[in-house]
Amino acid sequence: MIIIKTPNEIDSMRAGGKILANIMHELGKQVAPGKNTWEIDALAEKLILAAGGTPVFKGYGKESGNPFPATICASINAEIVHGIPSKNRILQEGDIFKIDIGMRYQGMITDMARTFAVGEISREAQKIIDITRECLDAGIEKIKIGRKLSEYSVTVQKYVEAQGCSAVRDLVGHGVGKMLHEDPHIPNYKSKEKEVILQEGMTLALEPMINVGTYKIKLEKDKWTYVTADGNLSAHFEDTVVVTSDGVEILTRT
C-alpha cells in the first residue's frame, strides 16, 4: 500500500532532507586518497546524532540475524550498493566512492546517495558518475501528478542505454517516509511492475544504480555488498522527492 503523507509529515521530511543533504556535503569533503571508510561512517553517525536524527541503516535487517553494522553504505568501484565501512577499506587515488545514507528525523525518514571521485579519476569513471547523476535528473522531471511512475523508469533506462551503459535490474528505488522501504517499487528500467499513477503527497526514493558494463550483479560473502557481475564500475545517485500540486520537490538537496 502506498502511504500518502500529510503536510506535517512532509514538513518533517523537508527539514530532515535538508539536514541530510548538508551532512552528505560534509562527508564529501572527507573523500580523499588515504581515508578509510570507517572514518567517514563515524563522522556520518556523529553528524546525524548531533542534528537530532537517528541513523536508519544501522541495525537494519536484524530480524535476519545479519544486521547492517553501520550508518552509511560505503561502496567502492565495482561495488554497487551496501558496502560495509571498515578501517581496512582505504580509498585510493582513482577510485569512485558511493555513500548511501538514511536518517529518521521528527519521526520521518529521508534517504539519499552520491558518488564521489577520489582524487584524479579516469575518463570512464567520470563518465559513469555524470551519466548516473544526469539520468536521475531526467527521471525526476517526469514526476508529476497524474503521470505514470513508469515514465520515470523508462526515461532513466533510455538515457543510460543511449550512453552505452546499463541500469541495474535486481535493485530498485522505493517509497520512503514512515519506513525506509515502502511501496511502490521503482525500477530504473521498463518493467512489469503494476502501474502507479502519481498523486500529491507521495514520497519516493529515486535511485538509479548504473553500470559501465552488464546490468547483472552478484552478492558478496558478507550477504550485504552487491557488485557488478563483470567487475566493471558502477555509480549510484539517490534523492528523496515528494509529489506536489505543481510538480515535484527534491527534499535531499540544499
C-alpha atoms as a PDB file:
ATOM      1  CA  MET A   1       0.000   0.000   0.000  1.00  0.00           C
ATOM      2  CA  ILE A   2       1.329   3.434  -0.950  1.00  0.00           C
ATOM      3  CA  ILE A   3       1.314   5.843   2.009  1.00  0.00           C
ATOM      4  CA  ILE A   4       0.250   9.406   1.163  1.00  0.00           C
ATOM      5  CA  LYS A   5       1.983  11.785   3.558  1.00  0.00           C
ATOM      6  CA  THR A   6       0.265  14.614   5.410  1.00  0.00           C
ATOM      7  CA  PRO A   7       1.529  18.208   5.114  1.00  0.00           C
ATOM      8  CA  ASN A   8       3.041  17.940   8.617  1.00  0.00           C
ATOM      9  CA  GLU A   9       4.833  14.713   7.718  1.00  0.00           C
ATOM     10  CA  ILE A  10       6.170  16.307   4.541  1.00  0.00           C
ATOM     11  CA  ASP A  11       7.393  19.288   6.563  1.00  0.00           C
ATOM     12  CA  SER A  12       9.346  16.887   8.778  1.00  0.00           C
ATOM     13  CA  MET A  13      10.800  15.144   5.728  1.00  0.00           C
ATOM     14  CA  ARG A  14      11.679  18.508   4.209  1.00  0.00           C
ATOM     15  CA  ALA A  15      13.553  19.527   7.354  1.00  0.00           C
ATOM     16  CA  GLY A  16      15.254  16.138   7.619  1.00  0.00           C
ATOM     17  CA  GLY A  17      16.161  16.095   3.943  1.00  0.00           C
ATOM     18  CA  LYS A  18      17.885  19.444   4.189  1.00  0.00           C
ATOM     19  CA  ILE A  19      19.882  18.277   7.204  1.00  0.00           C
ATOM     20  CA  LEU A  20      20.805  15.031   5.436  1.00  0.00           C
ATOM     21  CA  ALA A  21      21.940  16.890   2.303  1.00  0.00           C
ATOM     22  CA  ASN A  22      24.179  19.098   4.435  1.00  0.00           C
ATOM     23  CA  ILE A  23      25.619  16.035   6.162  1.00  0.00           C
ATOM     24  CA  MET A  24      26.338  14.452   2.780  1.00  0.00           C
ATOM     25  CA  HIS A  25      28.127  17.655   1.763  1.00  0.00           C
ATOM     26  CA  GLU A  26      30.339  17.394   4.853  1.00  0.00           C
ATOM     27  CA  LEU A  27      31.058  13.720   4.171  1.00  0.00           C
ATOM     28  CA  GLY A  28      32.025  14.549   0.603  1.00  0.00           C
ATOM     29  CA  LYS A  29      34.718  16.882   1.907  1.00  0.00           C
ATOM     30  CA  GLN A  30      36.337  13.880   3.618  1.00  0.00           C
ATOM     31  CA  VAL A  31      36.590  11.766   0.472  1.00  0.00           C
ATOM     32  CA  ALA A  32      40.293  11.649  -0.405  1.00  0.00           C
ATOM     33  CA  PRO A  33      43.080   9.126  -1.009  1.00  0.00           C
ATOM     34  CA  GLY A  34      44.219   7.558   2.252  1.00  0.00           C
ATOM     35  CA  LYS A  35      40.913   7.916   4.084  1.00  0.00           C
ATOM     36  CA  ASN A  36      39.311   4.734   5.348  1.00  0.00           C
ATOM     37  CA  THR A  37      35.586   4.208   5.019  1.00  0.00           C
ATOM     38  CA  TRP A  38      35.124   3.616   8.771  1.00  0.00           C
ATOM     39  CA  GLU A  39      36.279   7.202   9.480  1.00  0.00           C
ATOM     40  CA  ILE A  40      33.651   8.585   7.117  1.00  0.00           C
ATOM     41  CA  ASP A  41      30.972   6.362   8.640  1.00  0.00           C
ATOM     42  CA  ALA A  42      31.878   7.527  12.153  1.00  0.00           C
ATOM     43  CA  LEU A  43      31.572  11.154  11.077  1.00  0.00           C
ATOM     44  CA  ALA A  44      28.184  10.461   9.469  1.00  0.00           C
ATOM     45  CA  GLU A  45      26.807   8.982  12.690  1.00  0.00           C
ATOM     46  CA  LYS A  46      28.209  11.853  14.761  1.00  0.00           C
ATOM     47  CA  LEU A  47      26.610  14.457  12.486  1.00  0.00           C
ATOM     48  CA  ILE A  48      23.226  12.702  12.376  1.00  0.00           C
ATOM     49  CA  LEU A  49      23.033  12.392  16.148  1.00  0.00           C
ATOM     50  CA  ALA A  50      24.185  15.988  16.661  1.00  0.00           C
ATOM     51  CA  ALA A  51      21.345  17.146  14.376  1.00  0.00           C
ATOM     52  CA  GLY A  52      18.755  15.299  16.442  1.00  0.00           C
ATOM     53  CA  GLY A  53      18.331  12.486  13.948  1.00  0.00           C
ATOM     54  CA  THR A  54      18.735   8.709  14.055  1.00  0.00           C
ATOM     55  CA  PRO A  55      20.655   6.564  11.542  1.00  0.00           C
ATOM     56  CA  VAL A  56      18.227   4.158   9.905  1.00  0.00           C
ATOM     57  CA  PHE A  57      20.669   1.796   8.201  1.00  0.00           C
ATOM     58  CA  LYS A  58      22.475   0.762  11.388  1.00  0.00           C
ATOM     59  CA  GLY A  59      20.836  -2.417  12.644  1.00  0.00           C
ATOM     60  CA  TYR A  60      18.625  -2.756   9.565  1.00  0.00           C
ATOM     61  CA  GLY A  61      17.815  -6.390   8.849  1.00  0.00           C
ATOM     62  CA  LYS A  62      18.364  -7.581  12.430  1.00  0.00           C
ATOM     63  CA  GLU A  63      15.440  -9.968  12.101  1.00  0.00           C
ATOM     64  CA  SER A  64      17.538 -11.912   9.572  1.00  0.00           C
ATOM     65  CA  GLY A  65      20.367 -12.364  12.058  1.00  0.00           C
ATOM     66  CA  ASN A  66      22.722 -10.304   9.889  1.00  0.00           C
ATOM     67  CA  PRO A  67      22.007  -6.640  10.748  1.00  0.00           C
ATOM     68  CA  PHE A  68      23.740  -3.916   8.762  1.00  0.00           C
ATOM     69  CA  PRO A  69      26.506  -2.697  11.090  1.00  0.00           C
ATOM     70  CA  ALA A  70      26.999   0.912  10.005  1.00  0.00           C
ATOM     71  CA  THR A  71      25.401   4.315   9.461  1.00  0.00           C
ATOM     72  CA  ILE A  72      26.343   4.595   5.780  1.00  0.00           C
ATOM     73  CA  CYS A  73      26.692   2.174   2.931  1.00  0.00           C
ATOM     74  CA  ALA A  74      30.235   2.674   1.618  1.00  0.00           C
ATOM     75  CA  SER A  75      30.756   1.157  -1.832  1.00  0.00           C
ATOM     76  CA  ILE A  76      33.887   1.421  -3.969  1.00  0.00           C
ATOM     77  CA  ASN A  77      34.327   0.989  -7.743  1.00  0.00           C
ATOM     78  CA  ALA A  78      32.563  -2.257  -8.825  1.00  0.00           C
ATOM     79  CA  GLU A  79      30.586  -2.355  -5.569  1.00  0.00           C
ATOM     80  CA  ILE A  80      27.092  -1.133  -6.412  1.00  0.00           C
ATOM     81  CA  VAL A  81      25.456  -0.677  -3.000  1.00  0.00           C
ATOM     82  CA  HIS A  82      25.542  -1.804   0.648  1.00  0.00           C
ATOM     83  CA  GLY A  83      29.313  -1.835   1.054  1.00  0.00           C
ATOM     84  CA  ILE A  84      30.241  -2.115   4.746  1.00  0.00           C
ATOM     85  CA  PRO A  85      32.574   0.569   6.139  1.00  0.00           C
ATOM     86  CA  SER A  86      35.861  -0.707   7.540  1.00  0.00           C
ATOM     87  CA  LYS A  87      39.167   0.601   8.833  1.00  0.00           C
ATOM     88  CA  ASN A  88      40.743  -1.740   6.283  1.00  0.00           C
ATOM     89  CA  ARG A  89      38.970  -0.180   3.302  1.00  0.00           C
ATOM     90  CA  ILE A  90      41.335   2.605   2.292  1.00  0.00           C
ATOM     91  CA  LEU A  91      40.285   4.966  -0.503  1.00  0.00           C
ATOM     92  CA  GLN A  92      42.825   5.057  -3.335  1.00  0.00           C
ATOM     93  CA  GLU A  93      43.566   7.672  -5.974  1.00  0.00           C
ATOM     94  CA  GLY A  94      41.293   6.997  -8.954  1.00  0.00           C
ATOM     95  CA  ASP A  95      38.529   5.210  -7.035  1.00  0.00           C
ATOM     96  CA  ILE A  96      34.887   6.181  -7.227  1.00  0.00           C
ATOM     97  CA  PHE A  97      33.180   6.051  -3.846  1.00  0.00           C
ATOM     98  CA  LYS A  98      29.455   5.754  -3.193  1.00  0.00           C
ATOM     99  CA  ILE A  99      27.862   6.967   0.038  1.00  0.00           C
ATOM    100  CA  ASP A 100      24.258   5.942   0.726  1.00  0.00           C
ATOM    101  CA  ILE A 101      22.729   7.368   3.910  1.00  0.00           C
ATOM    102  CA  GLY A 102      19.345   7.457   5.592  1.00  0.00           C
ATOM    103  CA  MET A 103      18.081   9.344   8.641  1.00  0.00           C
ATOM    104  CA  ARG A 104      14.931   9.448  10.743  1.00  0.00           C
ATOM    105  CA  TYR A 105      14.100  12.993  11.841  1.00  0.00           C
ATOM    106  CA  GLN A 106      10.939  14.085  13.647  1.00  0.00           C
ATOM    107  CA  GLY A 107       9.633  10.575  13.033  1.00  0.00           C
ATOM    108  CA  MET A 108      10.127  10.608   9.256  1.00  0.00           C
ATOM    109  CA  ILE A 109      12.845   9.100   7.053  1.00  0.00           C
ATOM    110  CA  THR A 110      14.766  10.577   4.132  1.00  0.00           C
ATOM    111  CA  ASP A 111      17.283   8.615   2.068  1.00  0.00           C
ATOM    112  CA  MET A 112      19.959   9.734  -0.391  1.00  0.00           C
ATOM    113  CA  ALA A 113      23.146   8.641  -2.163  1.00  0.00           C
ATOM    114  CA  ARG A 114      26.002  10.263  -4.030  1.00  0.00           C
ATOM    115  CA  THR A 115      29.058   9.045  -5.927  1.00  0.00           C
ATOM    116  CA  PHE A 116      32.361  10.847  -5.359  1.00  0.00           C
ATOM    117  CA  ALA A 117      35.641  10.915  -7.239  1.00  0.00           C
ATOM    118  CA  VAL A 118      38.668  10.036  -5.122  1.00  0.00           C
ATOM    119  CA  GLY A 119      41.409  12.328  -6.363  1.00  0.00           C
ATOM    120  CA  GLU A 120      42.015  12.219 -10.101  1.00  0.00           C
ATOM    121  CA  ILE A 121      39.849   9.626 -11.834  1.00  0.00           C
ATOM    122  CA  SER A 122      39.715   8.133 -15.316  1.00  0.00           C
ATOM    123  CA  ARG A 123      37.548   9.479 -18.111  1.00  0.00           C
ATOM    124  CA  GLU A 124      35.446   6.306 -17.945  1.00  0.00           C
ATOM    125  CA  ALA A 125      34.906   6.769 -14.201  1.00  0.00           C
ATOM    126  CA  GLN A 126      33.864  10.395 -14.642  1.00  0.00           C
ATOM    127  CA  LYS A 127      31.510   9.385 -17.447  1.00  0.00           C
ATOM    128  CA  ILE A 128      29.609   6.847 -15.339  1.00  0.00           C
ATOM    129  CA  ILE A 129      29.283   9.361 -12.490  1.00  0.00           C
ATOM    130  CA  ASP A 130      27.937  12.012 -14.882  1.00  0.00           C
ATOM    131  CA  ILE A 131      25.516   9.648 -16.620  1.00  0.00           C
ATOM    132  CA  THR A 132      24.081   8.435 -13.326  1.00  0.00           C
ATOM    133  CA  ARG A 133      23.530  11.940 -11.983  1.00  0.00           C
ATOM    134  CA  GLU A 134      22.044  13.107 -15.282  1.00  0.00           C
ATOM    135  CA  CYS A 135      19.657  10.166 -15.655  1.00  0.00           C
ATOM    136  CA  LEU A 136      18.314  10.810 -12.150  1.00  0.00           C
ATOM    137  CA  ASP A 137      17.659  14.446 -13.039  1.00  0.00           C
ATOM    138  CA  ALA A 138      15.983  13.398 -16.298  1.00  0.00           C
ATOM    139  CA  GLY A 139      13.801  10.916 -14.440  1.00  0.00           C
ATOM    140  CA  ILE A 140      12.797  13.417 -11.750  1.00  0.00           C
ATOM    141  CA  GLU A 141      11.459  15.707 -14.481  1.00  0.00           C
ATOM    142  CA  LYS A 142       8.809  13.048 -15.210  1.00  0.00           C
ATOM    143  CA  ILE A 143       7.423  13.076 -11.655  1.00  0.00           C
ATOM    144  CA  LYS A 144       4.118  14.975 -11.752  1.00  0.00           C
ATOM    145  CA  ILE A 145       0.566  14.397 -10.504  1.00  0.00           C
ATOM    146  CA  GLY A 146      -1.423  12.178 -12.841  1.00  0.00           C
ATOM    147  CA  ARG A 147       1.564  10.802 -14.719  1.00  0.00           C
ATOM    148  CA  LYS A 148       2.645   7.182 -14.713  1.00  0.00           C
ATOM    149  CA  LEU A 149       5.555   6.296 -12.435  1.00  0.00           C
ATOM    150  CA  SER A 150       6.837   4.072 -15.252  1.00  0.00           C
ATOM    151  CA  GLU A 151       7.662   7.248 -17.222  1.00  0.00           C
ATOM    152  CA  TYR A 152      10.469   7.793 -14.717  1.00  0.00           C
ATOM    153  CA  SER A 153      11.717   4.229 -15.204  1.00  0.00           C
ATOM    154  CA  VAL A 154      11.649   4.356 -18.999  1.00  0.00           C
ATOM    155  CA  THR A 155      13.361   7.759 -19.080  1.00  0.00           C
ATOM    156  CA  VAL A 156      16.249   6.538 -16.914  1.00  0.00           C
ATOM    157  CA  GLN A 157      16.725   3.364 -18.961  1.00  0.00           C
ATOM    158  CA  LYS A 158      16.681   5.157 -22.317  1.00  0.00           C
ATOM    159  CA  TYR A 159      19.115   7.821 -21.144  1.00  0.00           C
ATOM    160  CA  VAL A 160      21.575   5.290 -19.765  1.00  0.00           C
ATOM    161  CA  GLU A 161      21.442   2.834 -22.643  1.00  0.00           C
ATOM    162  CA  ALA A 162      21.929   5.641 -25.166  1.00  0.00           C
ATOM    163  CA  GLN A 163      25.291   6.193 -23.461  1.00  0.00           C
ATOM    164  CA  GLY A 164      26.237   2.510 -23.756  1.00  0.00           C
ATOM    165  CA  CYS A 165      25.710   1.747 -20.057  1.00  0.00           C
ATOM    166  CA  SER A 166      23.112  -0.325 -18.174  1.00  0.00           C
ATOM    167  CA  ALA A 167      20.690   0.123 -15.286  1.00  0.00           C
ATOM    168  CA  VAL A 168      20.780  -2.479 -12.523  1.00  0.00           C
ATOM    169  CA  ARG A 169      17.577  -4.529 -12.536  1.00  0.00           C
ATOM    170  CA  ASP A 170      17.721  -6.561  -9.330  1.00  0.00           C
ATOM    171  CA  LEU A 171      17.800  -3.451  -7.100  1.00  0.00           C
ATOM    172  CA  VAL A 172      15.252  -0.628  -7.330  1.00  0.00           C
ATOM    173  CA  GLY A 173      14.080   2.616  -5.750  1.00  0.00           C
ATOM    174  CA  HIS A 174      11.166   2.689  -3.331  1.00  0.00           C
ATOM    175  CA  GLY A 175       8.654   4.692  -1.388  1.00  0.00           C
ATOM    176  CA  VAL A 176      10.043   6.192   1.809  1.00  0.00           C
ATOM    177  CA  GLY A 177       8.893   8.196   4.832  1.00  0.00           C
ATOM    178  CA  LYS A 178       7.312   6.349   7.741  1.00  0.00           C
ATOM    179  CA  MET A 179       9.541   3.376   6.899  1.00  0.00           C
ATOM    180  CA  LEU A 180      12.801   3.102   4.994  1.00  0.00           C
ATOM    181  CA  HIS A 181      11.291   0.867   2.329  1.00  0.00           C
ATOM    182  CA  GLU A 182       7.658   1.455   1.411  1.00  0.00           C
ATOM    183  CA  ASP A 183       5.561   0.779  -1.668  1.00  0.00           C
ATOM    184  CA  PRO A 184       5.917   1.285  -4.554  1.00  0.00           C
ATOM    185  CA  HIS A 185       8.941  -0.428  -6.043  1.00  0.00           C
ATOM    186  CA  ILE A 186      10.564   1.982  -8.506  1.00  0.00           C
ATOM    187  CA  PRO A 187      12.638   0.229 -11.183  1.00  0.00           C
ATOM    188  CA  ASN A 188      15.214   2.121 -13.230  1.00  0.00           C
ATOM    189  CA  TYR A 189      14.144   0.251 -16.358  1.00  0.00           C
ATOM    190  CA  LYS A 190      10.902  -0.684 -18.109  1.00  0.00           C
ATOM    191  CA  SER A 191       9.431  -3.484 -16.026  1.00  0.00           C
ATOM    192  CA  LYS A 192       6.262  -5.465 -15.439  1.00  0.00           C
ATOM    193  CA  GLU A 193       5.573  -3.761 -12.115  1.00  0.00           C
ATOM    194  CA  LYS A 194       1.922  -2.788 -11.591  1.00  0.00           C
ATOM    195  CA  GLU A 195       1.397   0.734 -12.955  1.00  0.00           C
ATOM    196  CA  VAL A 196       1.282   3.545 -10.399  1.00  0.00           C
ATOM    197  CA  ILE A 197      -0.352   6.902 -11.104  1.00  0.00           C
ATOM    198  CA  LEU A 198       1.409   9.668  -9.210  1.00  0.00           C
ATOM    199  CA  GLN A 199      -0.587  11.512  -6.541  1.00  0.00           C
ATOM    200  CA  GLU A 200       0.120  14.554  -4.420  1.00  0.00           C
ATOM    201  CA  GLY A 201       1.794  13.578  -1.152  1.00  0.00           C
ATOM    202  CA  MET A 202       3.663  10.532  -2.449  1.00  0.00           C
ATOM    203  CA  THR A 203       7.260  10.472  -1.183  1.00  0.00           C
ATOM    204  CA  LEU A 204       9.713   8.480  -3.259  1.00  0.00           C
ATOM    205  CA  ALA A 205      13.376   7.478  -3.057  1.00  0.00           C
ATOM    206  CA  LEU A 206      14.573   7.538  -6.652  1.00  0.00           C
ATOM    207  CA  GLU A 207      17.929   5.825  -7.046  1.00  0.00           C
ATOM    208  CA  PRO A 208      19.469   4.796 -10.346  1.00  0.00           C
ATOM    209  CA  MET A 209      22.347   2.340  -9.972  1.00  0.00           C
ATOM    210  CA  ILE A 210      24.170   2.426 -13.296  1.00  0.00           C
ATOM    211  CA  ASN A 211      26.898   0.097 -14.546  1.00  0.00           C
ATOM    212  CA  VAL A 212      29.565   0.591 -17.198  1.00  0.00           C
ATOM    213  CA  GLY A 213      29.008  -2.980 -18.412  1.00  0.00           C
ATOM    214  CA  THR A 214      26.295  -5.556 -17.789  1.00  0.00           C
ATOM    215  CA  TYR A 215      23.296  -4.844 -15.582  1.00  0.00           C
ATOM    216  CA  LYS A 216      23.821  -8.221 -13.894  1.00  0.00           C
ATOM    217  CA  ILE A 217      25.010  -8.263 -10.300  1.00  0.00           C
ATOM    218  CA  LYS A 218      26.155 -10.656  -7.602  1.00  0.00           C
ATOM    219  CA  LEU A 219      26.107 -10.693  -3.808  1.00  0.00           C
ATOM    220  CA  GLU A 220      29.351 -10.887  -1.853  1.00  0.00           C
ATOM    221  CA  LYS A 221      30.051 -13.278   1.045  1.00  0.00           C
ATOM    222  CA  ASP A 222      29.090 -10.651   3.643  1.00  0.00           C
ATOM    223  CA  LYS A 223      25.488 -11.027   2.368  1.00  0.00           C
ATOM    224  CA  TRP A 224      25.191  -7.241   2.009  1.00  0.00           C
ATOM    225  CA  THR A 225      27.526  -5.908  -0.672  1.00  0.00           C
ATOM    226  CA  TYR A 226      26.315  -6.118  -4.264  1.00  0.00           C
ATOM    227  CA  VAL A 227      28.916  -5.905  -7.033  1.00  0.00           C
ATOM    228  CA  THR A 228      28.798  -5.845 -10.816  1.00  0.00           C
ATOM    229  CA  ALA A 229      28.920  -9.335 -12.300  1.00  0.00           C
ATOM    230  CA  ASP A 230      31.655  -8.347 -14.747  1.00  0.00           C
ATOM    231  CA  GLY A 231      33.790  -6.298 -12.348  1.00  0.00           C
ATOM    232  CA  ASN A 232      33.160  -3.026 -14.170  1.00  0.00           C
ATOM    233  CA  LEU A 233      32.461   0.291 -12.445  1.00  0.00           C
ATOM    234  CA  SER A 234      29.074   1.265 -11.048  1.00  0.00           C
ATOM    235  CA  ALA A 235      27.724   4.627  -9.853  1.00  0.00           C
ATOM    236  CA  HIS A 236      24.760   5.463  -7.619  1.00  0.00           C
ATOM    237  CA  PHE A 237      22.762   8.643  -7.033  1.00  0.00           C
ATOM    238  CA  GLU A 238      19.597   8.883  -4.943  1.00  0.00           C
ATOM    239  CA  ASP A 239      17.205  11.607  -3.840  1.00  0.00           C
ATOM    240  CA  THR A 240      14.043  11.611  -1.783  1.00  0.00           C
ATOM    241  CA  VAL A 241      11.303  13.562  -3.559  1.00  0.00           C
ATOM    242  CA  VAL A 242       7.682  14.496  -2.861  1.00  0.00           C
ATOM    243  CA  VAL A 243       4.954  14.829  -5.473  1.00  0.00           C
ATOM    244  CA  THR A 244       3.446  18.308  -5.079  1.00  0.00           C
ATOM    245  CA  SER A 245       0.450  20.156  -6.504  1.00  0.00           C
ATOM    246  CA  ASP A 246       2.645  21.801  -9.120  1.00  0.00           C
ATOM    247  CA  GLY A 247       5.237  19.097  -9.835  1.00  0.00           C
ATOM    248  CA  VAL A 248       7.939  17.612  -7.666  1.00  0.00           C
ATOM    249  CA  GLU A 249      10.143  18.828  -4.823  1.00  0.00           C
ATOM    250  CA  ILE A 250      13.554  17.298  -4.190  1.00  0.00           C
ATOM    251  CA  LEU A 251      13.925  17.041  -0.414  1.00  0.00           C
ATOM    252  CA  THR A 252      17.556  15.920  -0.223  1.00  0.00           C
ATOM    253  CA  ARG A 253      19.261  18.797  -1.971  1.00  0.00           C
ATOM    254  CA  THR A 254      20.266  22.118  -0.448  1.00  0.00           C
END
